[in-house]
Amino acid sequence: MRALGGLWRWRHNPLRRRTDLAEAWLALTAMVLILAVAPLVGAVVGAAAQSTLQESVRDQRAARQEVAATVVKKASRNGLLDPDPESASGRDTHSRVVANWTAPDGTAQHGTVTAAIKSPVPGDHFTIWTDLHGRIVGRPLDSATATTHAVLAGFGAAVIAVGLVEGGRRLIVWRMVLRRYARWDRAWDKAGPDWGRTGAGS
């Protein structure tokens, strides 16, 4: 609204300089870009991110499966892997165990894994995520998390677009102000020697 007000104020003002009108037009252009282009950039980036992430969700769901594993024994302690016994955290409910499981392709697997069991004993059952050959993998990305990431990407792109537009406007105004000051300095240098003299028109 300030941009529209500036254009209206300078429209027929006798004190209007060309730079005043240029600044008002620049502000109006920046406002239009911020209100129209920035949301469009955010929507395009968000849609592209959503498409890519949802494709990744589908690929991960096709390549990863949740299988049942059985505890054989608790894995040997490793100071680098165990949480600090003095601290309480979410890791306290997980244990390193040696387990058996059957891969989706039907092969028997055996290895050390992390089980969501606080005090595992042989024979306990838990679930793990594996690839089609039984190798341990992380939990696949879910659709809701992918959508959240896409929305954040779109919002971030819109914010960056707004920052670029406003930064460009401020840079142009700064250059215009510098030129204006340079013109004033040149005009003052011309008028300075005659300033205050009788008959000099001052």
C-alpha atoms as a PDB file:
ATOM      1  CA  MET A   1       0.000   0.000   0.000  1.00  0.00           C
ATOM      2  CA  ARG A   2       2.909   2.351   0.663  1.00  0.00           C
ATOM      3  CA  ALA A   3       4.017   1.817  -2.952  1.00  0.00           C
ATOM      4  CA  LEU A   4       0.583   2.842  -4.280  1.00  0.00           C
ATOM      5  CA  GLY A   5       0.502   5.791  -1.911  1.00  0.00           C
ATOM      6  CA  GLY A   6       3.945   6.870  -3.061  1.00  0.00           C
ATOM      7  CA  LEU A   7       2.914   6.789  -6.718  1.00  0.00           C
ATOM      8  CA  TRP A   8      -0.244   8.770  -5.997  1.00  0.00           C
ATOM      9  CA  ARG A   9       1.606  11.303  -3.831  1.00  0.00           C
ATOM     10  CA  TRP A  10       4.301  11.993  -6.425  1.00  0.00           C
ATOM     11  CA  ARG A  11       1.947  11.966  -9.431  1.00  0.00           C
ATOM     12  CA  HIS A  12       1.485  15.782  -9.754  1.00  0.00           C
ATOM     13  CA  ASN A  13       3.794  17.032  -6.997  1.00  0.00           C
ATOM     14  CA  PRO A  14       5.892  19.984  -8.285  1.00  0.00           C
ATOM     15  CA  LEU A  15       8.764  18.898  -5.994  1.00  0.00           C
ATOM     16  CA  ARG A  16       8.822  15.438  -7.549  1.00  0.00           C
ATOM     17  CA  ARG A  17      12.169  14.238  -8.825  1.00  0.00           C
ATOM     18  CA  ARG A  18      12.554  11.484 -11.384  1.00  0.00           C
ATOM     19  CA  THR A  19      14.215   9.334  -8.742  1.00  0.00           C
ATOM     20  CA  ASP A  20      11.222   9.755  -6.402  1.00  0.00           C
ATOM     21  CA  LEU A  21       8.892   8.372  -9.051  1.00  0.00           C
ATOM     22  CA  ALA A  22      11.391   5.625  -9.902  1.00  0.00           C
ATOM     23  CA  GLU A  23      11.585   4.565  -6.235  1.00  0.00           C
ATOM     24  CA  ALA A  24       7.786   4.445  -5.999  1.00  0.00           C
ATOM     25  CA  TRP A  25       7.533   2.320  -9.169  1.00  0.00           C
ATOM     26  CA  LEU A  26      10.317   0.081  -7.875  1.00  0.00           C
ATOM     27  CA  ALA A  27       8.478  -0.436  -4.583  1.00  0.00           C
ATOM     28  CA  LEU A  28       5.255  -1.277  -6.445  1.00  0.00           C
ATOM     29  CA  THR A  29       7.060  -3.762  -8.694  1.00  0.00           C
ATOM     30  CA  ALA A  30       8.711  -5.415  -5.689  1.00  0.00           C
ATOM     31  CA  MET A  31       5.349  -5.676  -3.920  1.00  0.00           C
ATOM     32  CA  VAL A  32       3.737  -7.317  -6.966  1.00  0.00           C
ATOM     33  CA  LEU A  33       6.635  -9.767  -7.272  1.00  0.00           C
ATOM     34  CA  ILE A  34       6.448 -10.631  -3.565  1.00  0.00           C
ATOM     35  CA  LEU A  35       2.666 -11.143  -3.643  1.00  0.00           C
ATOM     36  CA  ALA A  36       2.494 -13.001  -6.964  1.00  0.00           C
ATOM     37  CA  VAL A  37       5.827 -14.536  -7.906  1.00  0.00           C
ATOM     38  CA  ALA A  38       7.112 -15.659  -4.477  1.00  0.00           C
ATOM     39  CA  PRO A  39       4.043 -17.846  -3.747  1.00  0.00           C
ATOM     40  CA  LEU A  40       4.268 -19.258  -7.274  1.00  0.00           C
ATOM     41  CA  VAL A  41       7.941 -20.153  -6.755  1.00  0.00           C
ATOM     42  CA  GLY A  42       7.067 -21.775  -3.434  1.00  0.00           C
ATOM     43  CA  ALA A  43       4.230 -23.773  -5.026  1.00  0.00           C
ATOM     44  CA  VAL A  44       6.406 -24.977  -7.919  1.00  0.00           C
ATOM     45  CA  VAL A  45       9.304 -25.985  -5.651  1.00  0.00           C
ATOM     46  CA  GLY A  46       6.936 -27.637  -3.163  1.00  0.00           C
ATOM     47  CA  ALA A  47       5.181 -29.591  -5.914  1.00  0.00           C
ATOM     48  CA  ALA A  48       8.496 -30.745  -7.391  1.00  0.00           C
ATOM     49  CA  ALA A  49       9.756 -31.787  -3.953  1.00  0.00           C
ATOM     50  CA  GLN A  50       6.485 -33.589  -3.224  1.00  0.00           C
ATOM     51  CA  SER A  51       6.684 -35.527  -6.482  1.00  0.00           C
ATOM     52  CA  THR A  52      10.312 -36.541  -5.877  1.00  0.00           C
ATOM     53  CA  LEU A  53       9.780 -37.464  -2.231  1.00  0.00           C
ATOM     54  CA  GLN A  54       6.609 -39.472  -2.886  1.00  0.00           C
ATOM     55  CA  GLU A  55       8.454 -41.385  -5.590  1.00  0.00           C
ATOM     56  CA  SER A  56      11.184 -42.086  -3.037  1.00  0.00           C
ATOM     57  CA  VAL A  57       8.508 -43.289  -0.591  1.00  0.00           C
ATOM     58  CA  ARG A  58       7.170 -45.721  -3.201  1.00  0.00           C
ATOM     59  CA  ASP A  59      10.657 -46.964  -4.081  1.00  0.00           C
ATOM     60  CA  GLN A  60      11.585 -47.507  -0.438  1.00  0.00           C
ATOM     61  CA  ARG A  61       8.337 -49.320   0.316  1.00  0.00           C
ATOM     62  CA  ALA A  62       8.942 -51.623  -2.641  1.00  0.00           C
ATOM     63  CA  ALA A  63      12.566 -52.304  -1.674  1.00  0.00           C
ATOM     64  CA  ARG A  64      12.228 -52.584   2.109  1.00  0.00           C
ATOM     65  CA  GLN A  65      10.147 -54.962   4.175  1.00  0.00           C
ATOM     66  CA  GLU A  66       9.483 -55.424   7.857  1.00  0.00           C
ATOM     67  CA  VAL A  67      10.389 -58.921   9.011  1.00  0.00           C
ATOM     68  CA  ALA A  68      10.271 -60.747  12.335  1.00  0.00           C
ATOM     69  CA  ALA A  69      13.567 -61.520  14.103  1.00  0.00           C
ATOM     70  CA  THR A  70      14.310 -63.741  17.075  1.00  0.00           C
ATOM     71  CA  VAL A  71      16.851 -62.966  19.790  1.00  0.00           C
ATOM     72  CA  VAL A  72      19.639 -65.555  20.049  1.00  0.00           C
ATOM     73  CA  LYS A  73      21.624 -63.766  22.725  1.00  0.00           C
ATOM     74  CA  LYS A  74      22.553 -60.303  23.893  1.00  0.00           C
ATOM     75  CA  ALA A  75      25.506 -58.885  21.961  1.00  0.00           C
ATOM     76  CA  SER A  76      28.796 -58.306  23.765  1.00  0.00           C
ATOM     77  CA  ARG A  77      29.059 -54.856  25.340  1.00  0.00           C
ATOM     78  CA  ASN A  78      30.828 -52.139  23.426  1.00  0.00           C
ATOM     79  CA  GLY A  79      31.540 -48.905  25.239  1.00  0.00           C
ATOM     80  CA  LEU A  80      31.267 -46.938  22.023  1.00  0.00           C
ATOM     81  CA  LEU A  81      27.773 -48.247  21.301  1.00  0.00           C
ATOM     82  CA  ASP A  82      26.185 -48.408  24.739  1.00  0.00           C
ATOM     83  CA  PRO A  83      24.543 -45.272  26.110  1.00  0.00           C
ATOM     84  CA  ASP A  84      25.912 -43.590  29.194  1.00  0.00           C
ATOM     85  CA  PRO A  85      24.509 -45.561  32.173  1.00  0.00           C
ATOM     86  CA  GLU A  86      24.106 -42.323  34.132  1.00  0.00           C
ATOM     87  CA  SER A  87      21.838 -40.750  31.512  1.00  0.00           C
ATOM     88  CA  ALA A  88      18.264 -41.658  30.638  1.00  0.00           C
ATOM     89  CA  SER A  89      17.298 -41.376  27.002  1.00  0.00           C
ATOM     90  CA  GLY A  90      15.224 -43.067  24.317  1.00  0.00           C
ATOM     91  CA  ARG A  91      18.199 -45.288  23.531  1.00  0.00           C
ATOM     92  CA  ASP A  92      17.793 -47.010  26.909  1.00  0.00           C
ATOM     93  CA  THR A  93      14.874 -49.018  25.480  1.00  0.00           C
ATOM     94  CA  HIS A  94      17.067 -50.419  22.665  1.00  0.00           C
ATOM     95  CA  SER A  95      19.587 -53.237  22.968  1.00  0.00           C
ATOM     96  CA  ARG A  96      22.226 -54.749  20.710  1.00  0.00           C
ATOM     97  CA  VAL A  97      21.451 -58.423  20.179  1.00  0.00           C
ATOM     98  CA  VAL A  98      22.502 -61.340  18.031  1.00  0.00           C
ATOM     99  CA  ALA A  99      19.400 -62.454  16.144  1.00  0.00           C
ATOM    100  CA  ASN A 100      18.075 -64.730  13.421  1.00  0.00           C
ATOM    101  CA  TRP A 101      15.580 -63.677  10.749  1.00  0.00           C
ATOM    102  CA  THR A 102      14.323 -64.823   7.382  1.00  0.00           C
ATOM    103  CA  ALA A 103      14.807 -62.481   4.427  1.00  0.00           C
ATOM    104  CA  PRO A 104      11.928 -61.695   2.076  1.00  0.00           C
ATOM    105  CA  ASP A 105      13.646 -63.887  -0.541  1.00  0.00           C
ATOM    106  CA  GLY A 106      13.475 -66.831   1.885  1.00  0.00           C
ATOM    107  CA  THR A 107      17.141 -67.007   2.933  1.00  0.00           C
ATOM    108  CA  ALA A 108      18.057 -67.413   6.595  1.00  0.00           C
ATOM    109  CA  GLN A 109      19.996 -64.497   8.080  1.00  0.00           C
ATOM    110  CA  HIS A 110      22.020 -64.144  11.267  1.00  0.00           C
ATOM    111  CA  GLY A 111      23.707 -61.069  12.716  1.00  0.00           C
ATOM    112  CA  THR A 112      23.962 -58.345  15.326  1.00  0.00           C
ATOM    113  CA  VAL A 113      21.141 -55.816  15.240  1.00  0.00           C
ATOM    114  CA  THR A 114      19.488 -53.206  17.438  1.00  0.00           C
ATOM    115  CA  ALA A 115      16.248 -54.440  19.009  1.00  0.00           C
ATOM    116  CA  ALA A 116      13.567 -52.289  20.565  1.00  0.00           C
ATOM    117  CA  ILE A 117      13.712 -54.386  23.734  1.00  0.00           C
ATOM    118  CA  LYS A 118      14.991 -53.074  27.050  1.00  0.00           C
ATOM    119  CA  SER A 119      16.019 -56.445  28.544  1.00  0.00           C
ATOM    120  CA  PRO A 120      16.208 -59.040  25.746  1.00  0.00           C
ATOM    121  CA  VAL A 121      16.300 -62.758  26.468  1.00  0.00           C
ATOM    122  CA  PRO A 122      16.792 -65.597  23.978  1.00  0.00           C
ATOM    123  CA  GLY A 123      13.561 -66.320  22.131  1.00  0.00           C
ATOM    124  CA  ASP A 124      12.203 -62.762  22.258  1.00  0.00           C
ATOM    125  CA  HIS A 125      10.687 -61.595  18.973  1.00  0.00           C
ATOM    126  CA  PHE A 126      10.962 -58.110  17.450  1.00  0.00           C
ATOM    127  CA  THR A 127      10.706 -56.565  14.009  1.00  0.00           C
ATOM    128  CA  ILE A 128      13.420 -55.130  11.771  1.00  0.00           C
ATOM    129  CA  TRP A 129      13.513 -53.552   8.312  1.00  0.00           C
ATOM    130  CA  THR A 130      15.513 -55.316   5.611  1.00  0.00           C
ATOM    131  CA  ASP A 131      16.016 -55.122   1.873  1.00  0.00           C
ATOM    132  CA  LEU A 132      14.826 -57.965  -0.342  1.00  0.00           C
ATOM    133  CA  HIS A 133      18.002 -59.948   0.400  1.00  0.00           C
ATOM    134  CA  GLY A 134      17.745 -59.628   4.183  1.00  0.00           C
ATOM    135  CA  ARG A 135      20.313 -56.863   4.728  1.00  0.00           C
ATOM    136  CA  ILE A 136      19.421 -54.452   7.542  1.00  0.00           C
ATOM    137  CA  VAL A 137      18.134 -51.075   6.304  1.00  0.00           C
ATOM    138  CA  GLY A 138      16.445 -48.094   7.875  1.00  0.00           C
ATOM    139  CA  ARG A 139      12.698 -47.623   8.176  1.00  0.00           C
ATOM    140  CA  PRO A 140      11.267 -46.355   4.852  1.00  0.00           C
ATOM    141  CA  LEU A 141      10.182 -42.752   4.563  1.00  0.00           C
ATOM    142  CA  ASP A 142       6.452 -42.393   5.185  1.00  0.00           C
ATOM    143  CA  SER A 143       4.099 -40.315   3.051  1.00  0.00           C
ATOM    144  CA  ALA A 144       3.216 -37.797   5.787  1.00  0.00           C
ATOM    145  CA  THR A 145       6.870 -37.027   6.519  1.00  0.00           C
ATOM    146  CA  ALA A 146       7.556 -36.636   2.797  1.00  0.00           C
ATOM    147  CA  THR A 147       4.674 -34.168   2.498  1.00  0.00           C
ATOM    148  CA  THR A 148       5.968 -32.200   5.485  1.00  0.00           C
ATOM    149  CA  HIS A 149       9.420 -31.965   3.895  1.00  0.00           C
ATOM    150  CA  ALA A 150       7.862 -30.834   0.603  1.00  0.00           C
ATOM    151  CA  VAL A 151       5.828 -28.103   2.328  1.00  0.00           C
ATOM    152  CA  LEU A 152       8.929 -26.875   4.158  1.00  0.00           C
ATOM    153  CA  ALA A 153      10.886 -26.841   0.883  1.00  0.00           C
ATOM    154  CA  GLY A 154       8.155 -24.785  -0.809  1.00  0.00           C
ATOM    155  CA  PHE A 155       7.935 -22.368   2.111  1.00  0.00           C
ATOM    156  CA  GLY A 156      11.713 -21.984   2.170  1.00  0.00           C
ATOM    157  CA  ALA A 157      11.803 -21.283  -1.571  1.00  0.00           C
ATOM    158  CA  ALA A 158       9.093 -18.617  -1.200  1.00  0.00           C
ATOM    159  CA  VAL A 159      10.986 -16.964   1.667  1.00  0.00           C
ATOM    160  CA  ILE A 160      14.213 -16.959  -0.381  1.00  0.00           C
ATOM    161  CA  ALA A 161      12.348 -15.428  -3.337  1.00  0.00           C
ATOM    162  CA  VAL A 162      10.963 -12.669  -1.087  1.00  0.00           C
ATOM    163  CA  GLY A 163      14.456 -12.030   0.294  1.00  0.00           C
ATOM    164  CA  LEU A 164      15.958 -11.798  -3.193  1.00  0.00           C
ATOM    165  CA  VAL A 165      13.277  -9.374  -4.399  1.00  0.00           C
ATOM    166  CA  GLU A 166      13.535  -7.153  -1.333  1.00  0.00           C
ATOM    167  CA  GLY A 167      17.338  -7.339  -1.364  1.00  0.00           C
ATOM    168  CA  GLY A 168      17.373  -6.336  -5.033  1.00  0.00           C
ATOM    169  CA  ARG A 169      15.018  -3.431  -4.358  1.00  0.00           C
ATOM    170  CA  ARG A 170      17.148  -2.156  -1.479  1.00  0.00           C
ATOM    171  CA  LEU A 171      20.324  -2.461  -3.556  1.00  0.00           C
ATOM    172  CA  ILE A 172      18.813  -0.469  -6.420  1.00  0.00           C
ATOM    173  CA  VAL A 173      17.485   2.219  -4.031  1.00  0.00           C
ATOM    174  CA  TRP A 174      20.923   2.417  -2.373  1.00  0.00           C
ATOM    175  CA  ARG A 175      22.578   2.983  -5.768  1.00  0.00           C
ATOM    176  CA  MET A 176      19.981   5.643  -6.626  1.00  0.00           C
ATOM    177  CA  VAL A 177      20.624   7.441  -3.330  1.00  0.00           C
ATOM    178  CA  LEU A 178      24.388   7.393  -3.956  1.00  0.00           C
ATOM    179  CA  ARG A 179      23.874   8.938  -7.399  1.00  0.00           C
ATOM    180  CA  ARG A 180      21.571  11.564  -5.901  1.00  0.00           C
ATOM    181  CA  TYR A 181      24.204  12.493  -3.303  1.00  0.00           C
ATOM    182  CA  ALA A 182      26.843  12.678  -6.053  1.00  0.00           C
ATOM    183  CA  ARG A 183      24.649  15.091  -8.049  1.00  0.00           C
ATOM    184  CA  TRP A 184      24.119  17.211  -4.932  1.00  0.00           C
ATOM    185  CA  ASP A 185      27.868  17.318  -4.336  1.00  0.00           C
ATOM    186  CA  ARG A 186      28.497  18.452  -7.924  1.00  0.00           C
ATOM    187  CA  ALA A 187      25.780  21.130  -7.669  1.00  0.00           C
ATOM    188  CA  TRP A 188      27.192  22.331  -4.337  1.00  0.00           C
ATOM    189  CA  ASP A 189      30.697  22.506  -5.772  1.00  0.00           C
ATOM    190  CA  LYS A 190      29.402  24.777  -8.545  1.00  0.00           C
ATOM    191  CA  ALA A 191      27.470  27.021  -6.177  1.00  0.00           C
ATOM    192  CA  GLY A 192      30.020  26.993  -3.368  1.00  0.00           C
ATOM    193  CA  PRO A 193      32.513  29.633  -4.619  1.00  0.00           C
ATOM    194  CA  ASP A 194      29.735  32.238  -5.078  1.00  0.00           C
ATOM    195  CA  TRP A 195      27.830  31.387  -1.920  1.00  0.00           C
ATOM    196  CA  GLY A 196      27.021  34.548   0.070  1.00  0.00           C
ATOM    197  CA  ARG A 197      28.626  37.043  -2.326  1.00  0.00           C
ATOM    198  CA  THR A 198      26.772  40.256  -3.126  1.00  0.00           C
ATOM    199  CA  GLY A 199      25.071  40.028  -6.489  1.00  0.00           C
ATOM    200  CA  ALA A 200      25.714  36.299  -6.820  1.00  0.00           C
ATOM    201  CA  GLY A 201      22.033  35.557  -6.651  1.00  0.00           C
ATOM    202  CA  SER A 202      22.237  33.875  -3.248  1.00  0.00           C
END
